[in-house]
Amino acid sequence: MHDTQPRTIAPNDLPEVISRYLAAHRAHDTAAAVSTFIDDATVIDDGNTYRGSAAIERWLDRAATEYTYTIELTQAQKTDTAHYIATHHLEGDFPGGTIDLHYRFTLRDDLIDHLVIEP
């Protein structure tokens, strides 16, 4: 039987493309963040779906300016070679002021194919 449960890994064991995305996102470097996605990637965040590079770029630009917050990577998990979860703790001026978010990545061809961000 194949185990599909995520297992904890060291944050520095996340694939390079995920680490590059997270660093670019944290630095509000939209161009670098967009370059980590395949052209027809999908992002789901806060109940909204963004498909393709242009939509993801607009989402990243909005996310970078909508609120001020700190973000800390608190846990990394791996399900298989294409599925990873990076859990972040955010504190800032958004409603509620604090939240733990799970960034669920699906990779394809060494780039991000699908990203779901949820509590």
C-alpha atoms as a PDB file:
ATOM      1  CA  MET A   1       0.000   0.000   0.000  1.00  0.00           C
ATOM      2  CA  HIS A   2       1.345   3.427  -0.993  1.00  0.00           C
ATOM      3  CA  ASP A   3       1.583   5.972   1.830  1.00  0.00           C
ATOM      4  CA  THR A   4       0.202   9.369   0.749  1.00  0.00           C
ATOM      5  CA  GLN A   5       0.489  11.052   4.146  1.00  0.00           C
ATOM      6  CA  PRO A   6       2.838  14.048   4.267  1.00  0.00           C
ATOM      7  CA  ARG A   7       5.970  13.549   6.330  1.00  0.00           C
ATOM      8  CA  THR A   8       7.945  16.334   7.981  1.00  0.00           C
ATOM      9  CA  ILE A   9      11.182  17.366   6.319  1.00  0.00           C
ATOM     10  CA  ALA A  10      13.733  20.068   7.100  1.00  0.00           C
ATOM     11  CA  PRO A  11      12.791  23.384   5.461  1.00  0.00           C
ATOM     12  CA  ASN A  12      16.098  23.392   3.566  1.00  0.00           C
ATOM     13  CA  ASP A  13      15.034  20.056   2.014  1.00  0.00           C
ATOM     14  CA  LEU A  14      12.213  21.730   0.086  1.00  0.00           C
ATOM     15  CA  PRO A  15      12.881  21.696  -3.673  1.00  0.00           C
ATOM     16  CA  GLU A  16      14.906  24.639  -4.940  1.00  0.00           C
ATOM     17  CA  VAL A  17      11.978  26.051  -6.949  1.00  0.00           C
ATOM     18  CA  ILE A  18       9.779  26.212  -3.829  1.00  0.00           C
ATOM     19  CA  SER A  19      12.540  27.867  -1.800  1.00  0.00           C
ATOM     20  CA  ARG A  20      13.083  30.349  -4.634  1.00  0.00           C
ATOM     21  CA  TYR A  21       9.339  31.130  -4.797  1.00  0.00           C
ATOM     22  CA  LEU A  22       9.094  31.606  -1.030  1.00  0.00           C
ATOM     23  CA  ALA A  23      12.122  33.928  -0.971  1.00  0.00           C
ATOM     24  CA  ALA A  24      10.787  35.976  -3.901  1.00  0.00           C
ATOM     25  CA  HIS A  25       7.315  36.179  -2.354  1.00  0.00           C
ATOM     26  CA  ARG A  26       8.760  37.293   0.987  1.00  0.00           C
ATOM     27  CA  ALA A  27      10.871  39.940  -0.807  1.00  0.00           C
ATOM     28  CA  HIS A  28       7.864  41.112  -2.900  1.00  0.00           C
ATOM     29  CA  ASP A  29       9.848  40.286  -6.061  1.00  0.00           C
ATOM     30  CA  THR A  30       6.937  39.536  -8.375  1.00  0.00           C
ATOM     31  CA  ALA A  31       9.028  38.787 -11.476  1.00  0.00           C
ATOM     32  CA  ALA A  32      11.181  36.243  -9.637  1.00  0.00           C
ATOM     33  CA  ALA A  33       8.114  34.646  -8.028  1.00  0.00           C
ATOM     34  CA  VAL A  34       6.240  34.348 -11.342  1.00  0.00           C
ATOM     35  CA  SER A  35       9.286  32.695 -12.936  1.00  0.00           C
ATOM     36  CA  THR A  36       8.870  29.715 -10.584  1.00  0.00           C
ATOM     37  CA  PHE A  37       5.477  28.775 -12.109  1.00  0.00           C
ATOM     38  CA  ILE A  38       4.722  26.918 -15.338  1.00  0.00           C
ATOM     39  CA  ASP A  39       2.895  29.107 -17.871  1.00  0.00           C
ATOM     40  CA  ASP A  40      -0.540  27.563 -17.216  1.00  0.00           C
ATOM     41  CA  ALA A  41      -0.159  27.181 -13.443  1.00  0.00           C
ATOM     42  CA  THR A  42      -3.041  27.623 -11.025  1.00  0.00           C
ATOM     43  CA  VAL A  43      -3.035  29.376  -7.645  1.00  0.00           C
ATOM     44  CA  ILE A  44      -5.940  29.170  -5.215  1.00  0.00           C
ATOM     45  CA  ASP A  45      -5.851  31.713  -2.396  1.00  0.00           C
ATOM     46  CA  ASP A  46      -8.584  33.087  -0.165  1.00  0.00           C
ATOM     47  CA  GLY A  47     -11.281  31.338  -2.211  1.00  0.00           C
ATOM     48  CA  ASN A  48     -10.100  32.798  -5.524  1.00  0.00           C
ATOM     49  CA  THR A  49      -8.499  30.928  -8.422  1.00  0.00           C
ATOM     50  CA  TYR A  50      -5.766  32.485 -10.580  1.00  0.00           C
ATOM     51  CA  ARG A  51      -4.819  30.684 -13.828  1.00  0.00           C
ATOM     52  CA  GLY A  52      -1.826  31.482 -15.984  1.00  0.00           C
ATOM     53  CA  SER A  53       1.174  33.740 -15.591  1.00  0.00           C
ATOM     54  CA  ALA A  54      -0.665  37.050 -16.057  1.00  0.00           C
ATOM     55  CA  ALA A  55      -3.311  36.255 -13.420  1.00  0.00           C
ATOM     56  CA  ILE A  56      -0.674  34.976 -10.995  1.00  0.00           C
ATOM     57  CA  GLU A  57       1.378  38.137 -11.524  1.00  0.00           C
ATOM     58  CA  ARG A  58      -1.663  40.330 -10.710  1.00  0.00           C
ATOM     59  CA  TRP A  59      -2.377  38.203  -7.601  1.00  0.00           C
ATOM     60  CA  LEU A  60       1.235  38.536  -6.407  1.00  0.00           C
ATOM     61  CA  ASP A  61       1.244  42.311  -6.998  1.00  0.00           C
ATOM     62  CA  ARG A  62      -1.987  42.678  -4.992  1.00  0.00           C
ATOM     63  CA  ALA A  63      -0.769  40.363  -2.217  1.00  0.00           C
ATOM     64  CA  ALA A  64       2.443  42.379  -1.885  1.00  0.00           C
ATOM     65  CA  THR A  65       0.619  45.660  -1.248  1.00  0.00           C
ATOM     66  CA  GLU A  66      -2.686  44.744   0.393  1.00  0.00           C
ATOM     67  CA  TYR A  67      -1.356  44.183   3.938  1.00  0.00           C
ATOM     68  CA  THR A  68       1.847  44.554   5.913  1.00  0.00           C
ATOM     69  CA  TYR A  69       2.933  41.376   7.682  1.00  0.00           C
ATOM     70  CA  THR A  70       5.795  39.206   8.802  1.00  0.00           C
ATOM     71  CA  ILE A  71       6.028  35.642   7.571  1.00  0.00           C
ATOM     72  CA  GLU A  72       7.945  32.753   9.121  1.00  0.00           C
ATOM     73  CA  LEU A  73       8.330  29.266   7.682  1.00  0.00           C
ATOM     74  CA  THR A  74       7.444  26.974  10.590  1.00  0.00           C
ATOM     75  CA  GLN A  75       7.189  23.537   8.981  1.00  0.00           C
ATOM     76  CA  ALA A  76       7.884  21.704   5.729  1.00  0.00           C
ATOM     77  CA  GLN A  77       6.341  18.428   4.592  1.00  0.00           C
ATOM     78  CA  LYS A  78       6.703  16.111   1.612  1.00  0.00           C
ATOM     79  CA  THR A  79       4.070  13.701   0.322  1.00  0.00           C
ATOM     80  CA  ASP A  80       6.004  12.564  -2.764  1.00  0.00           C
ATOM     81  CA  THR A  81       8.411  14.081  -5.299  1.00  0.00           C
ATOM     82  CA  ALA A  82       5.702  16.374  -6.690  1.00  0.00           C
ATOM     83  CA  HIS A  83       3.750  17.382  -3.554  1.00  0.00           C
ATOM     84  CA  TYR A  84       5.011  19.554  -0.713  1.00  0.00           C
ATOM     85  CA  ILE A  85       3.506  21.672   2.060  1.00  0.00           C
ATOM     86  CA  ALA A  86       5.213  24.737   3.532  1.00  0.00           C
ATOM     87  CA  THR A  87       3.474  26.043   6.663  1.00  0.00           C
ATOM     88  CA  HIS A  88       3.937  29.719   7.488  1.00  0.00           C
ATOM     89  CA  HIS A  89       3.025  31.823  10.498  1.00  0.00           C
ATOM     90  CA  LEU A  90       1.912  35.327   9.515  1.00  0.00           C
ATOM     91  CA  GLU A  91       1.414  38.346  11.773  1.00  0.00           C
ATOM     92  CA  GLY A  92       0.274  41.704  10.477  1.00  0.00           C
ATOM     93  CA  ASP A  93      -2.445  44.274   9.861  1.00  0.00           C
ATOM     94  CA  PHE A  94      -4.833  41.873   8.099  1.00  0.00           C
ATOM     95  CA  PRO A  95      -8.153  40.856   9.738  1.00  0.00           C
ATOM     96  CA  GLY A  96      -7.392  38.700  12.767  1.00  0.00           C
ATOM     97  CA  GLY A  97      -3.757  39.799  12.861  1.00  0.00           C
ATOM     98  CA  THR A  98      -2.273  36.299  12.995  1.00  0.00           C
ATOM     99  CA  ILE A  99      -2.711  33.085  11.015  1.00  0.00           C
ATOM    100  CA  ASP A 100      -0.943  29.876  10.102  1.00  0.00           C
ATOM    101  CA  LEU A 101      -1.195  29.160   6.378  1.00  0.00           C
ATOM    102  CA  HIS A 102      -0.390  25.958   4.512  1.00  0.00           C
ATOM    103  CA  TYR A 103       1.107  26.467   1.062  1.00  0.00           C
ATOM    104  CA  ARG A 104       0.356  23.218  -0.804  1.00  0.00           C
ATOM    105  CA  PHE A 105       2.599  22.893  -3.856  1.00  0.00           C
ATOM    106  CA  THR A 106       2.320  20.542  -6.819  1.00  0.00           C
ATOM    107  CA  LEU A 107       5.374  20.509  -9.068  1.00  0.00           C
ATOM    108  CA  ARG A 108       5.717  19.637 -12.740  1.00  0.00           C
ATOM    109  CA  ASP A 109       8.894  19.839 -14.835  1.00  0.00           C
ATOM    110  CA  ASP A 110      10.796  21.379 -11.879  1.00  0.00           C
ATOM    111  CA  LEU A 111       8.354  24.311 -11.672  1.00  0.00           C
ATOM    112  CA  ILE A 112       5.203  25.042  -9.668  1.00  0.00           C
ATOM    113  CA  ASP A 113       2.106  23.710 -11.414  1.00  0.00           C
ATOM    114  CA  HIS A 114      -0.451  24.240  -8.672  1.00  0.00           C
ATOM    115  CA  LEU A 115      -0.425  26.166  -5.381  1.00  0.00           C
ATOM    116  CA  VAL A 116      -3.219  26.172  -2.810  1.00  0.00           C
ATOM    117  CA  ILE A 117      -2.907  28.525   0.179  1.00  0.00           C
ATOM    118  CA  GLU A 118      -5.256  27.769   3.061  1.00  0.00           C
ATOM    119  CA  PRO A 119      -5.421  27.799   6.857  1.00  0.00           C
END
